[in-house]
Amino acid sequence: MPKITINNAETGEKHEIKIGYGANLRQAIGYTEAQIYKGANRVFNCRGMGLCAKCIVEVEPAENVNPRTFFENLQKIAPEQRMSCRVKVYGDLVVKTGIQD
């Protein structure tokens, strides 16, 4: 089971969770106390449909997640950033959340 270390850039909180191999990152974090979204985006988002790009995270190492998806390329986000609703986890990660305003 991959171990995920979540660092919130907005609040400075840190969480550690274990999730199943191939699990969706946004859904897994949603079952914890950790926050993906920043500010009002906690309420105003697309609920994981890949349309709003408000669930932006930075993941390290990038080799432990799936390749970028069509939706991520369409939104034109930075190369080091990913949309958590589109990320499948295949190994241990360090995730920085609370980035997108």
Protein backbone atom coordinates (compact mmCIF):
# COMPACT_ATOMS: atom_id res chain seq x y z
CA MET A 1 0.00 0.00 0.00
CA PRO A 2 1.47 3.35 -1.04
CA LYS A 3 2.07 5.91 1.71
CA ILE A 4 1.06 9.49 0.93
CA THR A 5 2.51 12.45 2.84
CA ILE A 6 0.27 15.51 2.39
CA ASN A 7 1.67 19.01 2.99
CA ASN A 8 -0.84 21.87 2.81
CA ALA A 9 0.82 25.02 1.44
CA GLU A 10 -1.98 27.26 2.75
CA THR A 11 -2.25 26.06 6.37
CA GLY A 12 1.05 24.25 6.89
CA GLU A 13 -0.72 21.07 8.08
CA LYS A 14 0.84 17.67 7.40
CA HIS A 15 -0.96 14.34 7.13
CA GLU A 16 0.10 10.80 6.29
CA ILE A 17 -2.24 8.23 4.80
CA LYS A 18 -2.01 4.83 3.16
CA ILE A 19 -4.11 4.08 0.10
CA GLY A 20 -4.58 1.19 -2.26
CA TYR A 21 -2.45 0.70 -5.35
CA GLY A 22 -4.02 2.56 -8.29
CA ALA A 23 -6.38 4.63 -6.10
CA ASN A 24 -7.53 8.10 -7.12
CA LEU A 25 -5.62 10.75 -5.17
CA ARG A 26 -8.50 13.24 -4.78
CA GLN A 27 -10.88 10.58 -3.48
CA ALA A 28 -8.31 9.17 -1.06
CA ILE A 29 -7.51 12.59 0.41
CA GLY A 30 -11.24 13.33 0.62
CA TYR A 31 -11.63 10.55 3.21
CA THR A 32 -9.17 12.30 5.56
CA GLU A 33 -8.97 15.61 7.41
CA ALA A 34 -6.52 16.97 4.82
CA GLN A 35 -7.65 19.68 2.39
CA ILE A 36 -6.89 19.74 -1.32
CA TYR A 37 -8.58 23.02 -2.10
CA LYS A 38 -7.65 26.55 -1.11
CA GLY A 39 -10.16 29.14 0.12
CA ALA A 40 -13.58 29.26 -1.54
CA ASN A 41 -12.61 26.45 -3.90
CA ARG A 42 -13.55 24.04 -1.10
CA VAL A 43 -17.16 24.79 -2.03
CA PHE A 44 -16.88 25.92 -5.65
CA ASN A 45 -15.30 23.05 -7.60
CA CYS A 46 -16.37 20.45 -10.16
CA ARG A 47 -16.38 17.56 -7.62
CA GLY A 48 -13.67 15.60 -9.41
CA MET A 49 -14.96 15.76 -12.96
CA GLY A 50 -11.71 17.26 -14.34
CA LEU A 51 -13.28 20.52 -15.51
CA CYS A 52 -12.25 23.27 -13.09
CA ALA A 53 -8.55 22.58 -12.34
CA LYS A 54 -8.97 23.78 -8.73
CA CYS A 55 -7.60 20.54 -7.23
CA ILE A 56 -4.05 21.28 -8.36
CA VAL A 57 -1.32 19.48 -6.41
CA GLU A 58 2.41 18.92 -6.78
CA VAL A 59 3.51 15.29 -6.49
CA GLU A 60 6.98 13.86 -5.94
CA PRO A 61 8.22 11.58 -7.38
CA ALA A 62 6.27 11.86 -10.63
CA GLU A 63 7.21 8.27 -11.55
CA ASN A 64 4.78 6.93 -8.91
CA VAL A 65 1.66 8.28 -10.64
CA ASN A 66 0.03 7.82 -14.03
CA PRO A 67 1.03 10.02 -17.01
CA ARG A 68 -0.68 13.38 -17.57
CA THR A 69 -4.20 13.10 -18.95
CA PHE A 70 -6.07 14.92 -21.71
CA PHE A 71 -7.82 17.15 -19.14
CA GLU A 72 -4.52 18.22 -17.57
CA ASN A 73 -3.06 19.11 -20.97
CA LEU A 74 -6.27 20.96 -21.86
CA GLN A 75 -6.10 23.10 -18.69
CA LYS A 76 -2.45 24.00 -19.45
CA ILE A 77 -1.23 23.66 -15.88
CA ALA A 78 2.47 23.85 -15.00
CA PRO A 79 4.57 20.76 -15.84
CA GLU A 80 5.29 19.95 -12.18
CA GLN A 81 1.60 20.22 -11.20
CA ARG A 82 -1.21 17.70 -11.54
CA MET A 83 -4.98 17.69 -11.06
CA SER A 84 -5.59 15.38 -8.09
CA CYS A 85 -8.87 14.16 -9.60
CA ARG A 86 -6.88 12.71 -12.53
CA VAL A 87 -4.01 11.14 -10.53
CA LYS A 88 -3.76 7.40 -9.87
CA VAL A 89 -1.18 6.43 -7.25
CA TYR A 90 1.28 3.58 -7.86
CA GLY A 91 3.84 4.23 -5.11
CA ASP A 92 4.83 6.41 -2.15
CA LEU A 93 4.29 10.15 -2.71
CA VAL A 94 4.83 13.54 -1.16
CA VAL A 95 1.89 15.78 -2.15
CA LYS A 96 1.72 19.56 -1.80
CA THR A 97 -1.91 20.77 -1.68
CA GLY A 98 -3.66 24.14 -1.30
CA ILE A 99 -1.93 25.66 -4.32
CA GLN A 100 -4.67 26.84 -6.72
CA ASP A 101 -6.54 30.01 -5.74
